[in-house]
Protein backbone atom coordinates (compact mmCIF):
# COMPACT_ATOMS: atom_id res chain seq x y z
CA MET A 1 0.21 -0.39 0.13
CA GLU A 2 2.01 3.45 -0.97
CA GLY A 3 2.21 5.97 1.51
CA ASN A 4 -0.67 8.16 0.44
CA LEU A 5 -3.12 5.49 0.94
CA ARG A 6 -2.00 4.74 4.32
CA LYS A 7 -1.93 8.16 5.31
CA ALA A 8 -5.64 8.51 4.22
CA ILE A 9 -6.88 5.22 5.83
CA VAL A 10 -5.02 6.01 9.22
CA GLY A 11 -6.86 9.58 9.02
CA ILE A 12 -10.32 7.64 8.04
CA TRP A 13 -9.91 5.72 11.34
CA LYS A 14 -9.21 9.41 13.79
CA THR A 15 -12.18 10.99 12.16
CA LYS A 16 -15.26 11.70 14.83
CA VAL A 17 -17.58 9.91 12.52
CA PRO A 18 -20.07 7.01 13.06
CA SER A 19 -17.90 3.54 12.24
CA LYS A 20 -20.45 3.05 9.38
CA ILE A 21 -18.81 6.51 7.49
CA GLN A 22 -15.18 5.55 8.17
CA VAL A 23 -16.33 1.59 7.09
CA HIS A 24 -17.65 3.35 3.74
CA GLY A 25 -14.59 5.67 3.46
CA TRP A 26 -12.54 3.04 4.04
CA ARG A 27 -13.93 0.85 1.40
CA LEU A 28 -14.03 3.71 -1.18
CA LEU A 29 -9.87 3.92 -0.65
CA LEU A 30 -9.53 -0.02 -1.07
CA GLY A 31 -12.41 -0.06 -4.34
CA ARG A 32 -14.57 -2.61 -2.55
CA LEU A 33 -17.41 -0.86 -2.98
CA ALA A 34 -20.35 -2.75 -4.72
CA THR A 35 -20.30 -0.44 -7.28
CA ARG A 36 -21.65 -1.03 -10.96
CA ASP A 37 -17.90 -1.72 -12.29
CA GLU A 38 -17.34 -3.95 -9.49
CA LEU A 39 -20.73 -5.94 -9.45
CA CYS A 40 -19.72 -6.40 -13.58
CA LYS A 41 -16.03 -7.92 -12.51
CA ARG A 42 -17.93 -10.24 -10.46
CA GLY A 43 -20.04 -11.47 -13.12
CA ILE A 44 -23.00 -10.12 -11.11
CA LEU A 45 -24.17 -7.20 -13.67
CA ASN A 46 -23.85 -7.35 -17.91
CA GLY A 47 -23.88 -5.12 -20.55
CA ALA A 48 -22.63 -1.42 -20.82
CA HIS A 49 -25.98 -0.23 -20.23
CA ASN A 50 -26.11 -1.62 -16.84
CA LEU A 51 -22.68 -0.20 -15.63
CA VAL A 52 -23.43 3.67 -16.25
CA CYS A 53 -23.54 5.78 -13.02
CA PRO A 54 -27.16 6.02 -12.09
CA LEU A 55 -27.02 10.02 -10.89
CA CYS A 56 -25.68 11.57 -13.52
CA PHE A 57 -26.30 9.00 -16.69
CA GLN A 58 -22.98 10.28 -18.05
CA VAL A 59 -20.29 7.26 -17.65
CA ALA A 60 -19.82 4.82 -15.82
CA GLU A 61 -19.87 4.15 -11.89
CA SER A 62 -16.82 3.39 -10.30
CA GLY A 63 -15.46 4.04 -6.60
CA ALA A 64 -13.69 6.92 -7.20
CA HIS A 65 -16.40 8.90 -10.03
CA MET A 66 -19.07 7.96 -7.04
CA GLY A 67 -17.20 9.49 -4.80
CA PHE A 68 -15.20 12.60 -6.01
CA SER A 69 -15.59 13.28 -9.98
CA CYS A 70 -20.08 12.48 -10.61
CA THR A 71 -21.94 16.29 -10.91
CA PHE A 72 -24.01 14.92 -8.48
CA SER A 73 -21.82 13.98 -5.73
CA LYS A 74 -19.39 17.04 -6.61
CA GLU A 75 -22.89 18.96 -5.25
CA VAL A 76 -23.36 17.22 -2.66
CA TRP A 77 -19.81 17.69 -1.14
CA ARG A 78 -20.17 21.49 -2.06
CA LYS A 79 -23.44 21.57 0.17
CA VAL A 80 -21.55 19.65 3.10
CA GLY A 81 -18.60 22.07 2.71
CA SER A 82 -20.99 25.17 2.86
CA TRP A 83 -22.94 23.22 5.52
CA LEU A 84 -19.34 22.93 7.58
CA GLY A 85 -18.56 26.67 6.82
CA ILE A 86 -15.59 25.37 4.50
CA SER A 87 -14.75 25.66 0.79
CA MET A 88 -14.17 22.31 -0.55
CA ILE A 89 -12.54 21.67 -4.13
CA ILE A 90 -13.16 17.67 -5.35
CA ASN A 91 -10.57 17.28 -8.07
CA CYS A 92 -10.59 13.70 -9.37
CA VAL A 93 -7.51 12.49 -12.01
CA GLY A 94 -7.46 10.14 -14.24
CA GLU A 95 -11.02 8.65 -14.51
């Protein structure tokens, strides 16, 4: 596991959020969420039409897309930041 990923995972477990949120973040970072691309890899979903993100309908749903680059997700993060009184800039490279 690379250093930045390790630091992010350790950081997740040190946050003061409910454990189910910690587990979700941990699974997101490790690529272990049941996203459409992962379900396709396991043979549960078939066909490109089943892979499209159900929130934006633009690209295949993956953990990175769902968490950081989906237009819907970005808006949710923006509103969370606004609610917390912080400015959040989410950019996902390599999608």
